[in-house]
Amino acid sequence: MQLIINLKVFETVSKTVTDNRGADVVYDAVGGDAFDQAIRAVNWEARMLIIGFAAGRIQQVPANLILVKNISVVGVVYGAQTEKDPSYGASFVQEAADLFRQGR
């Protein structure tokens, strides 16, 4: 199941729709308070994809939560990747569209 969740109810909705397990993947383009809430609402072995810092505050990553939940925190610099390899952008969009059509 894929959801886009409003920050104000992130933890409640994340836990409710996952039978209290939490999100498996978080795509965070906001940072700040959004990241702080999301990292506390993820499942064991979740992946946090850090895309940007639109909130204006670069978060401090709590290493204890990464350790005890075995979370992977990954920085994703899409723009730089497409500059290094222009074909990456097209293949990324195509693959994402294919996964969406498959309901994945």
N, C-alpha and C. Protein backbone atom coordinates (compact mmCIF):
# COMPACT_ATOMS: atom_id res chain seq x y z
N MET A 1 0.84 -1.17 0.00
CA MET A 1 0.00 0.00 0.00
C MET A 1 0.89 1.24 0.00
N GLN A 2 0.57 2.20 -0.82
CA GLN A 2 1.30 3.46 -0.87
C GLN A 2 0.39 4.58 -0.42
N LEU A 3 0.89 5.43 0.48
CA LEU A 3 0.11 6.54 1.00
C LEU A 3 0.93 7.81 1.01
N ILE A 4 0.25 8.91 0.82
CA ILE A 4 0.83 10.22 1.08
C ILE A 4 0.08 10.75 2.29
N ILE A 5 0.81 11.07 3.36
CA ILE A 5 0.18 11.40 4.63
C ILE A 5 0.53 12.83 5.05
N ASN A 6 -0.47 13.58 5.48
CA ASN A 6 -0.27 14.92 6.02
C ASN A 6 0.58 14.84 7.28
N LEU A 7 1.54 15.72 7.41
CA LEU A 7 2.45 15.72 8.55
C LEU A 7 1.73 15.77 9.89
N LYS A 8 0.62 16.50 9.96
CA LYS A 8 -0.08 16.68 11.24
C LYS A 8 -0.61 15.37 11.81
N VAL A 9 -0.85 14.40 10.95
CA VAL A 9 -1.40 13.12 11.41
C VAL A 9 -0.51 11.94 11.00
N PHE A 10 0.75 12.22 10.67
CA PHE A 10 1.63 11.19 10.11
C PHE A 10 1.73 9.95 10.99
N GLU A 11 2.11 10.13 12.23
CA GLU A 11 2.34 8.97 13.09
C GLU A 11 1.05 8.17 13.31
N THR A 12 -0.05 8.86 13.56
CA THR A 12 -1.33 8.18 13.79
C THR A 12 -1.75 7.38 12.57
N VAL A 13 -1.72 8.00 11.40
CA VAL A 13 -2.14 7.32 10.17
C VAL A 13 -1.17 6.20 9.83
N SER A 14 0.12 6.46 9.93
CA SER A 14 1.13 5.46 9.61
C SER A 14 0.92 4.20 10.45
N LYS A 15 0.71 4.37 11.73
CA LYS A 15 0.51 3.22 12.62
C LYS A 15 -0.84 2.55 12.36
N THR A 16 -1.89 3.33 12.10
CA THR A 16 -3.23 2.78 11.89
C THR A 16 -3.28 1.90 10.65
N VAL A 17 -2.78 2.39 9.53
CA VAL A 17 -2.90 1.65 8.27
C VAL A 17 -1.90 0.50 8.15
N THR A 18 -0.94 0.42 9.06
CA THR A 18 0.05 -0.66 9.00
C THR A 18 -0.08 -1.61 10.19
N ASP A 19 -1.24 -1.64 10.82
CA ASP A 19 -1.45 -2.49 12.00
C ASP A 19 -0.39 -2.24 13.06
N ASN A 20 -0.09 -0.97 13.28
CA ASN A 20 0.84 -0.50 14.31
C ASN A 20 2.31 -0.83 14.04
N ARG A 21 2.64 -1.24 12.80
CA ARG A 21 4.04 -1.53 12.46
C ARG A 21 4.81 -0.27 12.09
N GLY A 22 4.18 0.64 11.39
CA GLY A 22 4.86 1.84 10.91
C GLY A 22 5.23 1.72 9.44
N ALA A 23 5.66 2.82 8.86
CA ALA A 23 5.98 2.88 7.44
C ALA A 23 7.26 2.10 7.13
N ASP A 24 7.30 1.46 5.96
CA ASP A 24 8.50 0.76 5.52
C ASP A 24 9.46 1.69 4.79
N VAL A 25 8.91 2.68 4.08
CA VAL A 25 9.73 3.63 3.33
C VAL A 25 9.15 5.02 3.53
N VAL A 26 10.04 5.98 3.80
CA VAL A 26 9.64 7.38 3.91
C VAL A 26 10.46 8.18 2.91
N TYR A 27 9.78 8.91 2.04
CA TYR A 27 10.39 9.81 1.06
C TYR A 27 10.26 11.20 1.67
N ASP A 28 11.36 11.76 2.15
CA ASP A 28 11.31 13.03 2.88
C ASP A 28 12.00 14.14 2.10
N ALA A 29 11.17 15.01 1.52
CA ALA A 29 11.70 16.17 0.80
C ALA A 29 11.61 17.43 1.65
N VAL A 30 11.10 17.30 2.87
CA VAL A 30 10.83 18.45 3.72
C VAL A 30 11.89 18.64 4.80
N GLY A 31 12.25 17.56 5.50
CA GLY A 31 13.20 17.67 6.61
C GLY A 31 12.55 18.29 7.83
N GLY A 32 13.37 18.81 8.72
CA GLY A 32 12.86 19.49 9.91
C GLY A 32 11.92 18.64 10.73
N ASP A 33 10.78 19.22 11.12
CA ASP A 33 9.79 18.52 11.95
C ASP A 33 9.24 17.27 11.27
N ALA A 34 9.10 17.31 9.95
CA ALA A 34 8.58 16.15 9.22
C ALA A 34 9.49 14.95 9.41
N PHE A 35 10.79 15.18 9.30
CA PHE A 35 11.74 14.08 9.51
C PHE A 35 11.67 13.58 10.94
N ASP A 36 11.63 14.50 11.89
CA ASP A 36 11.59 14.13 13.31
C ASP A 36 10.41 13.21 13.61
N GLN A 37 9.25 13.51 13.01
CA GLN A 37 8.07 12.67 13.23
C GLN A 37 8.17 11.36 12.47
N ALA A 38 8.65 11.42 11.25
CA ALA A 38 8.70 10.23 10.42
C ALA A 38 9.63 9.17 10.98
N ILE A 39 10.79 9.55 11.47
CA ILE A 39 11.74 8.55 11.95
C ILE A 39 11.21 7.82 13.18
N ARG A 40 10.30 8.45 13.89
CA ARG A 40 9.69 7.79 15.06
C ARG A 40 8.49 6.92 14.66
N ALA A 41 8.03 7.06 13.43
CA ALA A 41 6.84 6.33 12.99
C ALA A 41 7.15 5.25 11.96
N VAL A 42 8.42 4.89 11.82
CA VAL A 42 8.77 3.87 10.82
C VAL A 42 8.86 2.48 11.45
N ASN A 43 8.77 1.50 10.59
CA ASN A 43 8.84 0.10 10.95
C ASN A 43 10.30 -0.32 11.18
N TRP A 44 10.48 -1.46 11.78
CA TRP A 44 11.78 -2.10 11.90
C TRP A 44 12.35 -2.28 10.49
N GLU A 45 13.61 -1.97 10.28
CA GLU A 45 14.32 -2.07 9.00
C GLU A 45 13.72 -1.19 7.90
N ALA A 46 13.13 -0.07 8.29
CA ALA A 46 12.59 0.88 7.31
C ALA A 46 13.71 1.57 6.55
N ARG A 47 13.35 2.22 5.46
CA ARG A 47 14.28 3.03 4.68
C ARG A 47 13.76 4.45 4.67
N MET A 48 14.63 5.38 5.01
CA MET A 48 14.30 6.81 4.97
C MET A 48 15.12 7.42 3.84
N LEU A 49 14.42 7.95 2.86
CA LEU A 49 15.07 8.57 1.71
C LEU A 49 15.03 10.08 1.90
N ILE A 50 16.20 10.66 2.09
CA ILE A 50 16.30 12.10 2.31
C ILE A 50 16.51 12.77 0.96
N ILE A 51 15.52 13.54 0.55
CA ILE A 51 15.53 14.17 -0.77
C ILE A 51 15.88 15.65 -0.69
N GLY A 52 15.48 16.31 0.39
CA GLY A 52 15.74 17.74 0.51
C GLY A 52 15.38 18.28 1.88
N PHE A 53 15.42 19.60 1.99
CA PHE A 53 15.21 20.28 3.27
C PHE A 53 14.30 21.49 3.08
N ALA A 54 13.14 21.29 2.47
CA ALA A 54 12.23 22.39 2.17
C ALA A 54 11.77 23.14 3.42
N ALA A 55 11.81 22.51 4.57
CA ALA A 55 11.38 23.16 5.82
C ALA A 55 12.36 24.24 6.25
N GLY A 56 13.57 24.21 5.69
CA GLY A 56 14.56 25.21 6.05
C GLY A 56 15.45 24.82 7.21
N ARG A 57 15.14 23.71 7.85
CA ARG A 57 15.98 23.23 8.96
C ARG A 57 16.51 21.85 8.59
N ILE A 58 17.82 21.74 8.59
CA ILE A 58 18.44 20.44 8.35
C ILE A 58 18.40 19.67 9.66
N GLN A 59 17.77 18.52 9.62
CA GLN A 59 17.57 17.75 10.83
C GLN A 59 18.86 17.12 11.35
N GLN A 60 18.87 16.88 12.64
CA GLN A 60 19.92 16.11 13.29
C GLN A 60 19.39 14.68 13.37
N VAL A 61 20.10 13.76 12.78
CA VAL A 61 19.63 12.38 12.73
C VAL A 61 19.93 11.68 14.05
N PRO A 62 18.90 11.17 14.75
CA PRO A 62 19.12 10.49 16.03
C PRO A 62 19.66 9.08 15.81
N ALA A 63 20.95 8.91 16.01
CA ALA A 63 21.60 7.63 15.75
C ALA A 63 21.01 6.49 16.58
N ASN A 64 20.49 6.80 17.76
CA ASN A 64 19.92 5.73 18.58
C ASN A 64 18.71 5.09 17.89
N LEU A 65 17.86 5.88 17.24
CA LEU A 65 16.70 5.31 16.55
C LEU A 65 17.12 4.50 15.33
N ILE A 66 18.14 4.96 14.63
CA ILE A 66 18.66 4.22 13.48
C ILE A 66 19.16 2.86 13.95
N LEU A 67 19.85 2.84 15.06
CA LEU A 67 20.41 1.60 15.59
C LEU A 67 19.31 0.65 16.08
N VAL A 68 18.44 1.11 16.98
CA VAL A 68 17.48 0.20 17.60
C VAL A 68 16.38 -0.27 16.64
N LYS A 69 16.12 0.50 15.58
CA LYS A 69 15.12 0.08 14.59
C LYS A 69 15.77 -0.51 13.34
N ASN A 70 17.10 -0.50 13.29
CA ASN A 70 17.85 -1.01 12.14
C ASN A 70 17.40 -0.31 10.85
N ILE A 71 17.31 1.02 10.92
CA ILE A 71 16.83 1.85 9.81
C ILE A 71 17.98 2.20 8.87
N SER A 72 17.70 2.23 7.58
CA SER A 72 18.65 2.73 6.59
C SER A 72 18.24 4.14 6.21
N VAL A 73 19.15 5.09 6.37
CA VAL A 73 18.91 6.48 5.99
C VAL A 73 19.78 6.75 4.77
N VAL A 74 19.13 7.12 3.66
CA VAL A 74 19.84 7.26 2.39
C VAL A 74 19.62 8.65 1.83
N GLY A 75 20.71 9.30 1.44
CA GLY A 75 20.62 10.59 0.76
C GLY A 75 20.42 10.37 -0.73
N VAL A 76 19.45 11.07 -1.31
CA VAL A 76 19.14 10.91 -2.73
C VAL A 76 19.27 12.28 -3.40
N VAL A 77 20.25 12.42 -4.27
CA VAL A 77 20.48 13.68 -4.98
C VAL A 77 20.14 13.46 -6.45
N TYR A 78 18.85 13.51 -6.74
CA TYR A 78 18.36 13.21 -8.09
C TYR A 78 18.97 14.14 -9.13
N GLY A 79 18.99 15.43 -8.86
CA GLY A 79 19.50 16.40 -9.84
C GLY A 79 20.95 16.16 -10.20
N ALA A 80 21.79 15.89 -9.21
CA ALA A 80 23.21 15.64 -9.47
C ALA A 80 23.39 14.35 -10.26
N GLN A 81 22.57 13.35 -9.96
CA GLN A 81 22.67 12.08 -10.68
C GLN A 81 22.35 12.26 -12.16
N THR A 82 21.34 13.05 -12.46
CA THR A 82 20.97 13.26 -13.87
C THR A 82 22.02 14.10 -14.60
N GLU A 83 22.74 14.96 -13.88
CA GLU A 83 23.83 15.71 -14.51
C GLU A 83 24.98 14.78 -14.86
N LYS A 84 25.29 13.84 -14.00
CA LYS A 84 26.39 12.90 -14.24
C LYS A 84 26.03 11.90 -15.33
N ASP A 85 24.75 11.53 -15.39
CA ASP A 85 24.30 10.54 -16.36
C ASP A 85 22.91 10.95 -16.86
N PRO A 86 22.84 11.72 -17.96
CA PRO A 86 21.56 12.23 -18.46
C PRO A 86 20.52 11.14 -18.74
N SER A 87 20.96 9.94 -19.08
CA SER A 87 20.00 8.86 -19.36
C SER A 87 19.32 8.38 -18.08
N TYR A 88 19.90 8.69 -16.93
CA TYR A 88 19.34 8.25 -15.65
C TYR A 88 17.94 8.82 -15.44
N GLY A 89 17.76 10.09 -15.75
CA GLY A 89 16.47 10.73 -15.54
C GLY A 89 15.36 10.04 -16.31
N ALA A 90 15.60 9.77 -17.58
CA ALA A 90 14.59 9.12 -18.41
C ALA A 90 14.31 7.71 -17.92
N SER A 91 15.35 6.96 -17.59
CA SER A 91 15.13 5.58 -17.14
C SER A 91 14.44 5.55 -15.78
N PHE A 92 14.77 6.51 -14.92
CA PHE A 92 14.13 6.59 -13.60
C PHE A 92 12.64 6.85 -13.73
N VAL A 93 12.29 7.81 -14.57
CA VAL A 93 10.88 8.16 -14.77
C VAL A 93 10.13 6.97 -15.38
N GLN A 94 10.75 6.31 -16.35
CA GLN A 94 10.10 5.16 -17.00
C GLN A 94 9.89 4.03 -16.00
N GLU A 95 10.90 3.73 -15.20
CA GLU A 95 10.78 2.65 -14.21
C GLU A 95 9.72 2.99 -13.15
N ALA A 96 9.71 4.23 -12.69
CA ALA A 96 8.71 4.65 -11.70
C ALA A 96 7.30 4.53 -12.29
N ALA A 97 7.13 4.93 -13.55
CA ALA A 97 5.82 4.84 -14.20
C ALA A 97 5.39 3.38 -14.34
N ASP A 98 6.32 2.50 -14.69
CA ASP A 98 6.01 1.08 -14.81
C ASP A 98 5.57 0.49 -13.47
N LEU A 99 6.29 0.83 -12.41
CA LEU A 99 5.93 0.34 -11.07
C LEU A 99 4.56 0.86 -10.65
N PHE A 100 4.28 2.12 -10.97
CA PHE A 100 2.98 2.70 -10.64
C PHE A 100 1.85 1.96 -11.36
N ARG A 101 2.05 1.70 -12.65
CA ARG A 101 1.03 0.98 -13.43
C ARG A 101 0.79 -0.43 -12.88
N GLN A 102 1.84 -1.04 -12.32
CA GLN A 102 1.72 -2.38 -11.75
C GLN A 102 1.13 -2.36 -10.34
N GLY A 103 0.89 -1.17 -9.83
CA GLY A 103 0.33 -1.05 -8.49
C GLY A 103 1.35 -1.28 -7.40
N ARG A 104 2.61 -1.13 -7.74
CA ARG A 104 3.68 -1.35 -6.77
C ARG A 104 4.23 -0.03 -6.34
